[in-house]
Amino acid sequence: MSGADERLHLDLTTSNILSRLSPHVIKWSDAEAYAHLGDPETQGVRTHDGQQPGPHAPAMLVALIENSGMSDAMLPQESIVPGTMLNYRSPEARFEGCVGFEADIWALACAIFAIRAGFVLFESFLGSDVDILRQIVEMLGRLPDPWWAAFEQRMLWFEGTGNQRASKIENGPAAKLFEICEQDPPPENEGPMIEKPGVRLHEEEVGLLQDLLLNMLKYFSEEKIRIQDVIRHPWFT
C-alpha cells in the first residue's frame, strides 16, 4: 500500500511486510541479476497490419514477471479474490468482496497491533471466521446492516442491538495492550531485537495507540483515516 503510487497490497500481514532485500542483492548489476534469475522472456514487436514497426516502437517486448499483474492504473476487479488472512480481513472485504486502500488500512492496523503487542488483535480459533466476527463486534460494536443480518450466528452472543448477552467485559485495543507480558515466558536473553520479558506499555502509549487503531478500524470505508494521516499520528512521533 502506497499513497504515492496508489498500489494496493491486499495481503498485508506481519509475515510479508517486515522484509527487505539483502544489501548485496541491491547492488547487483543487470548482468548479475540475469545470471542469478535468468534472462527475461522476450519476443519481437509485431504490428496489426503486418508492416514493419515504426522508429518509435520498442526493440522488443518483455513479459511481465509472474506477480506484476496489477499496474499503477489498475484496481482489483471482481474476479480477483485477495488472499488476506481471516484475522486481517476487513468487514467490507469479508461481506462484500470489496478491496481497496481502506481494506489495507484495516489490515495495517491489525499488523501494527501484532508487532507492538506480540500477539494478534483478533485471534482465529481453529481458523473460525465466525469467532473473528464475534471479537470484532465485541470490540467495535454492532455491524451495520446488511452485514449484521449476514452474521447468522450473532444471536449466540449478542442482542439485536449488538450488546453482549453475557456480562460486558472490556475488549478494546487498550485492554489487549495492557495484557502484554501477562503470559511471558521466564526471563532469558534473546538478544537486542527482542523486548525483555515483563515489559509493560506506559498508559500514554496505550492511549495513543488505541486512538490510532480505532481510527483505522472503522466499519465504513469513508471513516477510516488515510495512510498519510496514519504516518503522521502522534504514536509514531
Protein backbone atom coordinates (compact mmCIF):
# COMPACT_ATOMS: atom_id res chain seq x y z
CA MET A 1 0.00 0.00 0.00
CA SER A 2 1.46 3.32 -1.02
CA GLY A 3 -0.14 6.73 -1.14
CA ALA A 4 2.46 7.88 -3.63
CA ASP A 5 1.89 5.36 -6.44
CA GLU A 6 -1.58 4.12 -5.41
CA ARG A 7 -0.77 0.43 -5.22
CA LEU A 8 -2.78 -1.99 -3.15
CA HIS A 9 -1.20 -4.71 -1.07
CA LEU A 10 -4.29 -6.93 -0.50
CA ASP A 11 -2.44 -9.37 1.79
CA LEU A 12 -0.91 -7.16 4.44
CA THR A 13 0.31 -9.18 7.43
CA THR A 14 3.35 -9.14 9.68
CA SER A 15 4.77 -12.12 7.78
CA ASN A 16 5.12 -10.30 4.48
CA ILE A 17 5.86 -6.67 5.27
CA LEU A 18 8.86 -6.96 7.59
CA SER A 19 11.33 -7.95 4.90
CA ARG A 20 13.90 -6.34 2.65
CA LEU A 21 16.45 -7.35 0.06
CA SER A 22 19.90 -8.34 1.20
CA PRO A 23 22.33 -5.39 0.77
CA HIS A 24 24.46 -7.27 -1.74
CA VAL A 25 21.38 -8.05 -3.87
CA ILE A 26 20.51 -4.36 -4.08
CA LYS A 27 23.95 -3.74 -5.61
CA TRP A 28 23.53 -6.33 -8.37
CA SER A 29 24.16 -5.07 -11.88
CA ASP A 30 21.74 -6.07 -14.66
CA ALA A 31 24.17 -8.79 -15.73
CA GLU A 32 24.36 -10.18 -12.18
CA ALA A 33 20.57 -10.16 -11.85
CA TYR A 34 20.22 -12.07 -15.12
CA ALA A 35 22.92 -14.51 -14.02
CA HIS A 36 21.01 -15.34 -10.82
CA LEU A 37 17.42 -15.08 -12.08
CA GLY A 38 17.73 -15.89 -15.77
CA ASP A 39 17.13 -13.78 -18.85
CA PRO A 40 13.71 -12.11 -19.24
CA GLU A 41 11.23 -13.65 -21.66
CA THR A 42 11.10 -11.53 -24.81
CA GLN A 43 9.53 -11.55 -28.25
CA GLY A 44 9.65 -9.34 -31.31
CA VAL A 45 7.27 -6.45 -31.95
CA ARG A 46 4.53 -7.15 -34.49
CA THR A 47 2.10 -4.63 -35.92
CA HIS A 48 -1.58 -5.28 -36.54
CA ASP A 49 -1.25 -4.85 -40.31
CA GLY A 50 1.97 -6.79 -40.62
CA GLN A 51 4.06 -3.77 -41.55
CA GLN A 52 7.48 -3.10 -40.07
CA PRO A 53 7.31 -1.30 -36.70
CA GLY A 54 8.00 2.42 -36.80
CA PRO A 55 11.13 4.05 -35.38
CA HIS A 56 9.42 4.81 -32.06
CA ALA A 57 8.40 1.20 -31.37
CA PRO A 58 10.33 -0.68 -28.65
CA ALA A 59 13.09 -3.01 -29.79
CA MET A 60 11.34 -5.99 -28.17
CA LEU A 61 8.51 -6.93 -25.83
CA VAL A 62 9.37 -8.18 -22.35
CA ALA A 63 6.96 -10.47 -20.48
CA LEU A 64 5.75 -9.29 -17.08
CA ILE A 65 7.03 -11.08 -14.01
CA GLU A 66 4.54 -13.51 -12.51
CA ASN A 67 3.19 -11.24 -9.75
CA SER A 68 3.05 -7.97 -11.65
CA GLY A 69 -0.48 -8.30 -12.97
CA MET A 70 -1.54 -5.03 -11.31
CA SER A 71 -0.29 -1.83 -12.83
CA ASP A 72 -0.45 1.62 -11.23
CA ALA A 73 -3.70 2.34 -13.02
CA MET A 74 -5.46 -0.90 -12.13
CA LEU A 75 -7.72 -1.54 -9.18
CA PRO A 76 -8.84 -5.08 -8.36
CA GLN A 77 -11.66 -6.39 -10.47
CA GLU A 78 -14.50 -8.56 -9.20
CA SER A 79 -12.69 -11.71 -10.37
CA ILE A 80 -9.76 -11.07 -8.01
CA VAL A 81 -10.04 -12.82 -4.66
CA PRO A 82 -7.49 -11.45 -2.17
CA GLY A 83 -5.67 -13.98 -0.05
CA THR A 84 -5.88 -11.92 3.13
CA MET A 85 -5.71 -13.95 6.33
CA LEU A 86 -9.04 -14.11 8.17
CA ASN A 87 -7.88 -12.13 11.19
CA TYR A 88 -6.54 -9.32 8.96
CA ARG A 89 -9.54 -9.10 6.62
CA SER A 90 -11.73 -6.01 6.74
CA PRO A 91 -15.53 -6.27 7.07
CA GLU A 92 -16.13 -4.85 3.57
CA ALA A 93 -13.82 -7.49 2.10
CA ARG A 94 -15.46 -10.17 4.21
CA PHE A 95 -19.10 -9.38 3.41
CA GLU A 96 -18.97 -7.62 0.04
CA GLY A 97 -15.73 -8.76 -1.54
CA CYS A 98 -14.67 -5.11 -1.80
CA VAL A 99 -10.95 -4.50 -1.68
CA GLY A 100 -9.27 -1.12 -1.76
CA PHE A 101 -6.96 1.15 0.14
CA GLU A 102 -9.33 1.13 3.10
CA ALA A 103 -9.05 -2.67 3.39
CA ASP A 104 -5.27 -2.27 3.56
CA ILE A 105 -5.72 0.32 6.33
CA TRP A 106 -7.68 -2.25 8.37
CA ALA A 107 -5.03 -4.92 7.79
CA LEU A 108 -2.26 -2.46 8.66
CA ALA A 109 -3.97 -1.71 11.99
CA CYS A 110 -4.00 -5.43 12.78
CA ALA A 111 -0.33 -5.67 11.81
CA ILE A 112 0.69 -2.66 13.91
CA PHE A 113 -1.03 -4.16 16.95
CA ALA A 114 0.61 -7.56 16.42
CA ILE A 115 4.06 -6.00 16.04
CA ARG A 116 3.73 -3.92 19.21
CA ALA A 117 1.86 -6.43 21.36
CA GLY A 118 3.44 -9.67 20.22
CA PHE A 119 0.08 -11.35 19.59
CA VAL A 120 -2.74 -10.82 17.13
CA LEU A 121 -5.62 -8.41 17.65
CA PHE A 122 -8.32 -10.86 16.51
CA GLU A 123 -7.49 -14.48 17.34
CA SER A 124 -8.79 -17.13 14.95
CA PHE A 125 -9.76 -20.22 16.95
CA LEU A 126 -9.18 -23.23 14.67
CA GLY A 127 -9.46 -20.92 11.66
CA SER A 128 -13.00 -19.84 12.51
CA ASP A 129 -14.25 -16.77 10.64
CA VAL A 130 -17.27 -16.65 12.94
CA ASP A 131 -15.11 -16.30 16.05
CA ILE A 132 -13.23 -13.39 14.49
CA LEU A 133 -16.53 -11.65 13.70
CA ARG A 134 -17.59 -12.12 17.33
CA GLN A 135 -14.39 -10.44 18.52
CA ILE A 136 -14.81 -7.57 16.05
CA VAL A 137 -18.35 -6.88 17.29
CA GLU A 138 -17.21 -7.12 20.92
CA MET A 139 -14.55 -4.50 20.23
CA LEU A 140 -16.23 -2.15 17.75
CA GLY A 141 -19.94 -2.68 18.31
CA ARG A 142 -22.82 -3.83 16.12
CA LEU A 143 -22.09 -4.37 12.45
CA PRO A 144 -24.00 -2.09 10.09
CA ASP A 145 -26.84 -3.51 8.01
CA PRO A 146 -26.90 -5.70 5.96
CA TRP A 147 -23.70 -7.18 7.42
CA TRP A 148 -25.40 -7.67 10.77
CA ALA A 149 -28.06 -9.91 9.23
CA ALA A 150 -25.39 -11.82 7.29
CA PHE A 151 -23.67 -12.66 10.59
CA GLU A 152 -26.02 -15.61 11.14
CA GLN A 153 -24.55 -16.80 14.43
CA ARG A 154 -24.79 -13.35 16.04
CA MET A 155 -27.65 -14.29 18.37
CA LEU A 156 -25.42 -16.78 20.18
CA TRP A 157 -23.52 -13.88 21.76
CA PHE A 158 -25.38 -10.63 21.07
CA GLU A 159 -28.76 -8.98 21.43
CA GLY A 160 -30.35 -7.41 18.37
CA THR A 161 -28.85 -4.09 19.39
CA GLY A 162 -25.35 -5.54 19.33
CA ASN A 163 -24.99 -5.63 23.11
CA GLN A 164 -23.41 -8.76 24.53
CA ARG A 165 -25.73 -11.31 26.13
CA ALA A 166 -23.14 -12.11 28.80
CA SER A 167 -21.74 -9.52 31.20
CA LYS A 168 -19.89 -6.76 29.41
CA ILE A 169 -16.11 -7.01 29.51
CA GLU A 170 -13.54 -4.57 28.21
CA ASN A 171 -12.43 -5.70 24.75
CA GLY A 172 -10.89 -2.57 23.23
CA PRO A 173 -7.34 -2.36 21.91
CA ALA A 174 -6.23 -0.75 25.18
CA ALA A 175 -7.40 -3.73 27.25
CA LYS A 176 -5.48 -6.08 24.98
CA LEU A 177 -2.37 -3.89 25.09
CA PHE A 178 -2.40 -3.98 28.88
CA GLU A 179 -2.29 -7.80 28.63
CA ILE A 180 1.26 -7.61 27.30
CA CYS A 181 3.69 -9.65 29.45
CA GLU A 182 0.92 -11.38 31.45
CA GLN A 183 1.85 -14.70 29.87
CA ASP A 184 5.50 -14.00 29.11
CA PRO A 185 7.89 -16.95 29.40
CA PRO A 186 10.60 -16.96 32.09
CA PRO A 187 13.21 -14.22 31.54
CA GLU A 188 16.01 -15.12 29.17
CA ASN A 189 18.32 -13.13 26.95
CA GLU A 190 17.05 -13.34 23.37
CA GLY A 191 19.18 -10.52 22.01
CA PRO A 192 18.72 -6.79 21.44
CA MET A 193 15.88 -7.21 18.90
CA ILE A 194 13.55 -8.86 21.43
CA GLU A 195 11.85 -6.85 24.16
CA LYS A 196 12.68 -8.04 27.65
CA PRO A 197 10.01 -10.24 29.31
CA GLY A 198 7.78 -8.39 31.76
CA VAL A 199 7.88 -5.05 29.94
CA ARG A 200 4.52 -3.26 30.04
CA LEU A 201 3.39 -0.35 27.90
CA HIS A 202 3.01 3.06 29.50
CA GLU A 203 -0.55 4.34 29.72
CA GLU A 204 0.33 7.28 27.46
CA GLU A 205 1.44 4.96 24.66
CA VAL A 206 -1.57 2.72 25.15
CA GLY A 207 -3.86 5.72 24.76
CA LEU A 208 -2.11 6.94 21.62
CA LEU A 209 -2.00 3.51 20.03
CA GLN A 210 -5.65 2.83 20.81
CA ASP A 211 -6.60 6.16 19.23
CA LEU A 212 -4.64 5.27 16.10
CA LEU A 213 -6.10 1.78 15.82
CA LEU A 214 -9.70 2.82 16.42
CA ASN A 215 -9.38 5.41 13.66
CA MET A 216 -8.11 2.72 11.32
CA LEU A 217 -10.64 0.05 12.35
CA LYS A 218 -13.82 1.65 11.07
CA TYR A 219 -16.74 -0.24 9.56
CA PHE A 220 -17.37 2.41 6.92
CA SER A 221 -14.53 2.92 4.46
CA GLU A 222 -15.02 6.66 4.27
CA GLU A 223 -14.48 6.95 8.04
CA LYS A 224 -11.06 5.27 8.07
CA ILE A 225 -8.10 7.62 8.20
CA ARG A 226 -5.83 7.70 5.16
CA ILE A 227 -2.30 6.37 5.15
CA GLN A 228 -0.91 9.92 5.15
CA ASP A 229 -2.75 10.55 8.43
CA VAL A 230 -1.60 7.22 9.84
CA ILE A 231 2.09 8.01 9.46
CA ARG A 232 1.57 11.49 10.94
CA HIS A 233 -0.23 10.17 14.02
CA PRO A 234 1.37 11.14 17.37
CA TRP A 235 2.02 7.46 18.18
CA PHE A 236 4.74 7.44 15.52
CA THR A 237 6.41 10.62 16.79
